[in-house]
Protein backbone atom coordinates (compact mmCIF):
# COMPACT_ATOMS: atom_id res chain seq x y z
CA MET A 1 21.02 18.84 45.04
CA SER A 2 20.84 17.22 41.97
CA LYS A 3 21.93 20.52 39.87
CA SER A 4 25.13 21.42 42.45
CA LEU A 5 25.74 17.43 42.22
CA ARG A 6 26.15 17.88 38.07
CA LYS A 7 27.76 20.93 38.83
CA ASP A 8 30.38 19.08 40.69
CA GLY A 9 30.73 16.18 38.77
CA PHE A 10 30.98 17.85 35.78
CA SER A 11 33.63 19.63 37.52
CA GLY A 12 36.05 16.34 37.91
CA TYR A 13 35.54 15.51 34.34
CA ILE A 14 37.26 18.27 33.06
CA LEU A 15 39.86 18.22 35.94
CA VAL A 16 40.10 14.30 34.70
CA LEU A 17 39.71 15.67 31.15
CA PHE A 18 42.95 18.06 32.05
CA ILE A 19 44.97 15.41 33.58
CA ALA A 20 44.83 13.15 31.04
CA ILE A 21 45.28 15.51 27.76
CA GLY A 22 48.62 16.24 30.15
CA LEU A 23 49.76 13.24 30.50
CA PHE A 24 49.02 11.98 26.94
CA ALA A 25 52.06 15.24 26.28
CA LEU A 26 54.28 14.11 28.76
CA LEU A 27 54.43 10.65 26.69
CA GLN A 28 54.23 12.15 22.84
CA GLU A 29 57.68 13.33 24.51
CA LYS A 30 59.93 9.97 23.77
CA ASN A 31 63.07 11.61 23.65
CA PRO A 32 63.04 14.30 26.27
CA GLY A 33 66.08 16.53 26.07
CA VAL A 34 66.82 15.64 22.10
CA LYS A 35 66.84 18.18 20.01
CA SER A 36 65.15 18.00 16.55
CA ILE A 37 66.16 20.15 13.12
CA THR A 38 64.06 19.97 10.28
CA ALA A 39 65.36 18.24 7.25
CA ASP A 40 65.88 22.35 5.67
CA GLU A 41 67.80 22.46 8.60
CA ALA A 42 69.94 19.77 8.16
CA ALA A 43 70.28 20.22 4.14
CA GLN A 44 71.28 24.16 4.93
CA LEU A 45 74.13 22.58 6.99
CA MET A 46 75.72 19.46 5.39
CA HIS A 47 76.02 22.26 2.59
CA ARG A 48 77.62 25.34 4.78
CA ASP A 49 79.23 22.93 7.72
CA THR A 50 82.09 20.71 6.25
CA ALA A 51 82.44 19.00 10.41
CA VAL A 52 78.73 18.16 10.66
CA VAL A 53 78.56 13.91 10.93
CA PHE A 54 75.09 12.21 9.21
CA LEU A 55 74.70 8.71 11.50
CA ASP A 56 72.30 6.38 9.64
CA VAL A 57 70.85 3.69 12.56
CA ARG A 58 68.19 1.99 9.84
CA THR A 59 69.85 -1.69 9.39
CA VAL A 60 71.46 -2.15 6.23
CA ASN A 61 68.19 -3.54 4.15
CA LYS A 62 66.96 0.54 4.41
CA TRP A 63 70.15 1.54 3.48
CA ASN A 64 70.07 0.07 1.09
CA SER A 65 66.51 0.76 -0.05
CA SER A 66 64.96 2.71 -3.02
CA THR A 67 64.89 5.71 -0.45
CA GLY A 68 69.36 6.15 -0.45
CA HIS A 69 71.11 7.94 2.02
CA LEU A 70 72.67 10.75 3.02
CA ASN A 71 76.44 11.76 1.62
CA ASN A 72 78.89 10.68 3.53
CA ALA A 73 76.22 9.21 6.26
CA ILE A 74 78.05 6.69 8.86
CA LEU A 75 75.70 3.61 8.94
CA ILE A 76 75.27 1.67 12.50
CA PRO A 77 72.44 0.42 12.84
CA PHE A 78 69.76 1.39 16.03
CA GLN A 79 70.34 -2.19 17.48
CA ASP A 80 74.15 -2.80 16.98
CA LEU A 81 74.75 1.78 18.42
CA ARG A 82 75.80 0.47 21.69
CA ASP A 83 78.34 -1.48 21.09
CA GLN A 84 79.83 -0.25 18.09
CA ILE A 85 79.99 3.70 19.85
CA ASN A 86 83.39 4.23 20.18
CA ARG A 87 83.27 4.41 16.14
CA LEU A 88 82.40 7.87 17.09
CA ASN A 89 84.94 8.76 19.14
CA THR A 90 86.58 10.43 15.92
CA PHE A 91 83.64 12.72 16.29
CA ARG A 92 82.94 13.74 20.11
CA ASP A 93 83.62 17.48 19.12
CA ARG A 94 81.17 17.82 15.48
CA ARG A 95 76.99 17.69 15.62
CA ILE A 96 76.31 14.52 14.86
CA ILE A 97 71.94 14.63 12.64
CA VAL A 98 70.97 10.92 13.52
CA TYR A 99 68.57 9.35 10.74
CA CYS A 100 66.13 6.74 10.24
CA ARG A 101 63.28 6.18 8.04
CA SER A 102 61.53 8.12 10.01
CA GLY A 103 63.02 10.29 13.20
CA ASN A 104 61.52 7.56 16.25
CA ARG A 105 64.62 5.16 16.22
CA SER A 106 67.07 8.28 15.67
CA GLY A 107 65.40 9.83 18.39
CA LYS A 108 66.04 6.95 20.99
CA ALA A 109 69.50 7.11 19.06
CA ALA A 110 70.48 10.57 20.16
CA ARG A 111 69.32 10.16 23.21
CA LEU A 112 72.02 7.52 23.65
CA LEU A 113 74.65 9.80 22.49
CA LEU A 114 73.93 12.56 24.69
CA ASP A 115 73.65 10.60 27.71
CA SER A 116 77.00 9.23 26.21
CA GLY A 117 78.88 12.64 25.14
CA PHE A 118 78.56 13.39 21.83
CA ASN A 119 76.69 16.46 20.47
CA ALA A 120 73.48 14.63 18.78
CA VAL A 121 70.78 16.23 17.35
CA ASN A 122 67.17 13.60 15.51
CA LEU A 123 66.92 14.33 12.44
CA ALA A 124 62.90 15.14 12.90
CA GLY A 125 60.84 13.06 10.35
CA GLY A 126 63.90 10.85 8.98
CA ILE A 127 64.74 9.82 5.71
CA ARG A 128 61.09 10.07 4.80
CA MET A 129 61.12 14.07 5.06
CA TRP A 130 64.18 14.44 3.05
CA ASN A 131 63.07 12.52 1.00
CA ALA A 132 59.89 14.24 0.77
CA ARG A 133 61.90 17.67 0.46
CA GLN A 134 63.24 16.20 -2.35
CA TYR A 135 67.13 16.43 -1.08
CA PRO A 136 69.52 14.21 -2.92
CA VAL A 137 70.70 10.83 -0.99
CA LEU A 138 72.81 8.60 -2.32
CA GLN A 139 72.14 4.41 -3.59
CA GLU A 140 75.58 3.12 -2.88
CA LYS A 141 74.62 -0.72 -1.26
CA VAL A 142 76.67 -1.58 1.31
CA GLN A 143 76.71 -6.36 2.16
């Protein structure tokens, strides 16, 4: 009897473990349905597709920091995006690559843009990955 209890108890633990792993995986997908592209893919698009738009959703201080920003990027901080989304209306028919420092806020911003009818993707790893790949950035400051 004690062997069957141990065996059944072990099976229960395995089931709970699989459920926990599944829930953890679901929670890791913070922005379901948002596509991400790598820094390498974004750099290729920057050079071959002049219609692509880069949207920086970091703060002005981060834009002005040593990490720089991408050429021709539009700055709309994430906390202002909902109120300023109309600034992007002229880009509705273009792909918008959204980036932040690490890819977290930009994933949320891309979700907001998708829900508003834009063609948006998230830059995986954000400007940190862009910098790590040593792609060019600008150091122009804004107020």
